[in-house]
Amino acid sequence: MITVRSIYNPWGTSYAKRFLVEFDWPPDTDRPVVHLEGWLRDIAPSRELSAWFANDRGKWQEFRRCYFAELDSHPEEWKFLLEEARRSTVELIYHSHDTKYNSAVALKEYLESKLAAMRQLEQPTPDI
């Protein structure tokens, strides 16, 4: 299972494995306070793509297309997250103030599509 959470939301108790999926460390956030499995800088959108997008909702569809192409070209950066998500809950942590149009939401969609494709391949084929 894959979830997303803003780094600015209260943490509470969770059994999720949390990964920061941003290129830069969030401003005004103390590293020791945040309990993360890892900081995945290389899975974040490129600086150029992020700068172009700039959280402009009108660019969302094109941003997703470009980001997914970046992810397709570097599967070594995200494949282990699929295995983690198959075993437990993975929480993608972001620092955007927009909860619906940010790179973690796009990454979640991308990874869930990969998980669905894996599950479909695992389905036994019926005997004819």
C-alpha atoms as a PDB file:
ATOM      1  CA  MET A   1       0.000   0.000   0.000  1.00  0.00           C
ATOM      2  CA  ILE A   2       1.233   3.501  -0.820  1.00  0.00           C
ATOM      3  CA  THR A   3       0.150   6.709   0.894  1.00  0.00           C
ATOM      4  CA  VAL A   4       1.302  10.320   0.759  1.00  0.00           C
ATOM      5  CA  ARG A   5       1.738  12.812   3.582  1.00  0.00           C
ATOM      6  CA  SER A   6       2.947  16.355   3.941  1.00  0.00           C
ATOM      7  CA  ILE A   7       5.977  16.706   6.130  1.00  0.00           C
ATOM      8  CA  TYR A   8       4.088  19.513   7.866  1.00  0.00           C
ATOM      9  CA  ASN A   9       1.232  17.213   9.033  1.00  0.00           C
ATOM     10  CA  PRO A  10       1.345  15.663  12.495  1.00  0.00           C
ATOM     11  CA  TRP A  11       3.093  12.297  12.444  1.00  0.00           C
ATOM     12  CA  GLY A  12       1.245  10.266  15.037  1.00  0.00           C
ATOM     13  CA  THR A  13       1.838   6.546  15.203  1.00  0.00           C
ATOM     14  CA  SER A  14       2.227   4.672  11.984  1.00  0.00           C
ATOM     15  CA  TYR A  15       3.700   1.441  10.799  1.00  0.00           C
ATOM     16  CA  ALA A  16       4.454   2.873   7.380  1.00  0.00           C
ATOM     17  CA  LYS A  17       7.944   3.120   6.009  1.00  0.00           C
ATOM     18  CA  ARG A  18       8.371   6.815   5.292  1.00  0.00           C
ATOM     19  CA  PHE A  19      10.498   8.191   2.479  1.00  0.00           C
ATOM     20  CA  LEU A  20      11.077  11.842   1.679  1.00  0.00           C
ATOM     21  CA  VAL A  21      10.697  12.105  -2.104  1.00  0.00           C
ATOM     22  CA  GLU A  22      11.884  15.672  -2.620  1.00  0.00           C
ATOM     23  CA  PHE A  23      15.117  16.916  -4.145  1.00  0.00           C
ATOM     24  CA  ASP A  24      15.678  19.492  -1.391  1.00  0.00           C
ATOM     25  CA  TRP A  25      15.230  19.161   2.338  1.00  0.00           C
ATOM     26  CA  PRO A  26      12.053  21.000   3.419  1.00  0.00           C
ATOM     27  CA  PRO A  27      12.723  24.439   4.851  1.00  0.00           C
ATOM     28  CA  ASP A  28      12.037  24.958   8.552  1.00  0.00           C
ATOM     29  CA  THR A  29      12.086  21.219   9.270  1.00  0.00           C
ATOM     30  CA  ASP A  30      14.519  19.681  11.733  1.00  0.00           C
ATOM     31  CA  ARG A  31      15.968  16.427  10.491  1.00  0.00           C
ATOM     32  CA  PRO A  32      16.043  14.671  13.885  1.00  0.00           C
ATOM     33  CA  VAL A  33      12.308  15.323  14.399  1.00  0.00           C
ATOM     34  CA  VAL A  34      11.342  13.565  11.167  1.00  0.00           C
ATOM     35  CA  HIS A  35      11.439   9.764  11.315  1.00  0.00           C
ATOM     36  CA  LEU A  36      12.242   8.517   7.823  1.00  0.00           C
ATOM     37  CA  GLU A  37      13.511   5.312   6.291  1.00  0.00           C
ATOM     38  CA  GLY A  38      15.303   7.392   3.734  1.00  0.00           C
ATOM     39  CA  TRP A  39      15.553  10.528   1.667  1.00  0.00           C
ATOM     40  CA  LEU A  40      15.116   9.640  -2.001  1.00  0.00           C
ATOM     41  CA  ARG A  41      16.451  12.720  -3.771  1.00  0.00           C
ATOM     42  CA  ASP A  42      17.012  10.883  -7.053  1.00  0.00           C
ATOM     43  CA  ILE A  43      13.372   9.842  -7.349  1.00  0.00           C
ATOM     44  CA  ALA A  44      12.176  13.456  -7.278  1.00  0.00           C
ATOM     45  CA  PRO A  45      11.443  15.284 -10.533  1.00  0.00           C
ATOM     46  CA  SER A  46      14.427  17.011 -12.097  1.00  0.00           C
ATOM     47  CA  ARG A  47      15.088  20.574 -11.032  1.00  0.00           C
ATOM     48  CA  GLU A  48      14.198  21.755 -14.526  1.00  0.00           C
ATOM     49  CA  LEU A  49      10.846  19.975 -14.510  1.00  0.00           C
ATOM     50  CA  SER A  50      10.031  21.179 -10.991  1.00  0.00           C
ATOM     51  CA  ALA A  51      10.911  24.764 -11.884  1.00  0.00           C
ATOM     52  CA  TRP A  52       8.769  24.595 -15.022  1.00  0.00           C
ATOM     53  CA  PHE A  53       5.803  23.093 -13.140  1.00  0.00           C
ATOM     54  CA  ALA A  54       6.038  25.424 -10.126  1.00  0.00           C
ATOM     55  CA  ASN A  55       2.831  23.864  -8.737  1.00  0.00           C
ATOM     56  CA  ASP A  56       0.761  25.363 -11.565  1.00  0.00           C
ATOM     57  CA  ARG A  57      -2.380  23.214 -11.668  1.00  0.00           C
ATOM     58  CA  GLY A  58      -2.848  24.084 -15.340  1.00  0.00           C
ATOM     59  CA  LYS A  59       0.409  22.246 -16.105  1.00  0.00           C
ATOM     60  CA  TRP A  60      -0.484  19.135 -14.073  1.00  0.00           C
ATOM     61  CA  GLN A  61      -1.166  16.713 -16.941  1.00  0.00           C
ATOM     62  CA  GLU A  62       2.013  17.686 -18.816  1.00  0.00           C
ATOM     63  CA  PHE A  63       4.016  17.589 -15.580  1.00  0.00           C
ATOM     64  CA  ARG A  64       2.816  14.040 -14.904  1.00  0.00           C
ATOM     65  CA  ARG A  65       3.671  12.922 -18.451  1.00  0.00           C
ATOM     66  CA  CYS A  66       7.192  14.374 -18.214  1.00  0.00           C
ATOM     67  CA  TYR A  67       7.787  13.090 -14.679  1.00  0.00           C
ATOM     68  CA  PHE A  68       6.630   9.594 -15.611  1.00  0.00           C
ATOM     69  CA  ALA A  69       9.082   9.666 -18.545  1.00  0.00           C
ATOM     70  CA  GLU A  70      11.870  10.602 -16.124  1.00  0.00           C
ATOM     71  CA  LEU A  71      10.866   7.739 -13.838  1.00  0.00           C
ATOM     72  CA  ASP A  72      10.728   5.305 -16.773  1.00  0.00           C
ATOM     73  CA  SER A  73      14.325   6.183 -17.626  1.00  0.00           C
ATOM     74  CA  HIS A  74      15.589   5.406 -14.073  1.00  0.00           C
ATOM     75  CA  PRO A  75      13.769   2.318 -12.721  1.00  0.00           C
ATOM     76  CA  GLU A  76      16.657   1.552 -10.377  1.00  0.00           C
ATOM     77  CA  GLU A  77      15.574   4.552  -8.300  1.00  0.00           C
ATOM     78  CA  TRP A  78      12.023   3.345  -7.578  1.00  0.00           C
ATOM     79  CA  LYS A  79      11.762  -0.436  -8.047  1.00  0.00           C
ATOM     80  CA  PHE A  80      12.653  -1.182  -4.435  1.00  0.00           C
ATOM     81  CA  LEU A  81       9.639   0.915  -3.361  1.00  0.00           C
ATOM     82  CA  LEU A  82       7.382  -1.541  -5.174  1.00  0.00           C
ATOM     83  CA  GLU A  83       8.775  -4.407  -3.122  1.00  0.00           C
ATOM     84  CA  GLU A  84       8.390  -2.380   0.073  1.00  0.00           C
ATOM     85  CA  ALA A  85       4.783  -1.549  -0.881  1.00  0.00           C
ATOM     86  CA  ARG A  86       4.016  -5.223  -1.487  1.00  0.00           C
ATOM     87  CA  ARG A  87       5.176  -6.105   2.049  1.00  0.00           C
ATOM     88  CA  SER A  88       3.996  -3.102   4.041  1.00  0.00           C
ATOM     89  CA  THR A  89       2.739   0.454   3.795  1.00  0.00           C
ATOM     90  CA  VAL A  90       5.016   2.990   2.156  1.00  0.00           C
ATOM     91  CA  GLU A  91       4.419   6.653   2.861  1.00  0.00           C
ATOM     92  CA  LEU A  92       5.767   9.191   0.385  1.00  0.00           C
ATOM     93  CA  ILE A  93       6.612  12.414   2.204  1.00  0.00           C
ATOM     94  CA  TYR A  94       6.477  15.758   0.400  1.00  0.00           C
ATOM     95  CA  HIS A  95       6.805  19.410   1.405  1.00  0.00           C
ATOM     96  CA  SER A  96       4.522  21.133  -1.085  1.00  0.00           C
ATOM     97  CA  HIS A  97       1.616  23.027   0.434  1.00  0.00           C
ATOM     98  CA  ASP A  98      -0.640  21.782  -2.381  1.00  0.00           C
ATOM     99  CA  THR A  99      -2.043  18.436  -1.265  1.00  0.00           C
ATOM    100  CA  LYS A 100      -3.472  17.373  -4.645  1.00  0.00           C
ATOM    101  CA  TYR A 101      -0.974  18.584  -7.233  1.00  0.00           C
ATOM    102  CA  ASN A 102       2.524  17.671  -6.145  1.00  0.00           C
ATOM    103  CA  SER A 103       5.235  15.250  -7.188  1.00  0.00           C
ATOM    104  CA  ALA A 104       4.495  12.743  -4.390  1.00  0.00           C
ATOM    105  CA  VAL A 105       0.894  12.405  -5.599  1.00  0.00           C
ATOM    106  CA  ALA A 106       2.173  11.836  -9.142  1.00  0.00           C
ATOM    107  CA  LEU A 107       4.763   9.332  -7.897  1.00  0.00           C
ATOM    108  CA  LYS A 108       2.075   7.441  -5.964  1.00  0.00           C
ATOM    109  CA  GLU A 109      -0.019   7.184  -9.127  1.00  0.00           C
ATOM    110  CA  TYR A 110       2.984   5.981 -11.115  1.00  0.00           C
ATOM    111  CA  LEU A 111       3.985   3.349  -8.554  1.00  0.00           C
ATOM    112  CA  GLU A 112       0.429   2.098  -8.108  1.00  0.00           C
ATOM    113  CA  SER A 113       0.135   1.570 -11.868  1.00  0.00           C
ATOM    114  CA  LYS A 114       3.351  -0.477 -11.761  1.00  0.00           C
ATOM    115  CA  LEU A 115       2.026  -2.515  -8.818  1.00  0.00           C
ATOM    116  CA  ALA A 116      -1.242  -3.187 -10.652  1.00  0.00           C
ATOM    117  CA  ALA A 117       0.669  -4.378 -13.704  1.00  0.00           C
ATOM    118  CA  MET A 118       2.789  -6.697 -11.538  1.00  0.00           C
ATOM    119  CA  ARG A 119      -0.305  -8.158  -9.889  1.00  0.00           C
ATOM    120  CA  GLN A 120      -1.918  -8.738 -13.251  1.00  0.00           C
ATOM    121  CA  LEU A 121       1.142 -10.672 -14.429  1.00  0.00           C
ATOM    122  CA  GLU A 122       0.989 -12.800 -11.273  1.00  0.00           C
ATOM    123  CA  GLN A 123      -2.617 -13.880 -11.888  1.00  0.00           C
ATOM    124  CA  PRO A 124      -2.850 -17.512 -12.928  1.00  0.00           C
ATOM    125  CA  THR A 125      -4.204 -18.023 -16.400  1.00  0.00           C
ATOM    126  CA  PRO A 126      -7.281 -20.248 -16.565  1.00  0.00           C
ATOM    127  CA  ASP A 127      -7.028 -23.586 -18.320  1.00  0.00           C
ATOM    128  CA  ILE A 128      -8.907 -23.632 -21.573  1.00  0.00           C
END
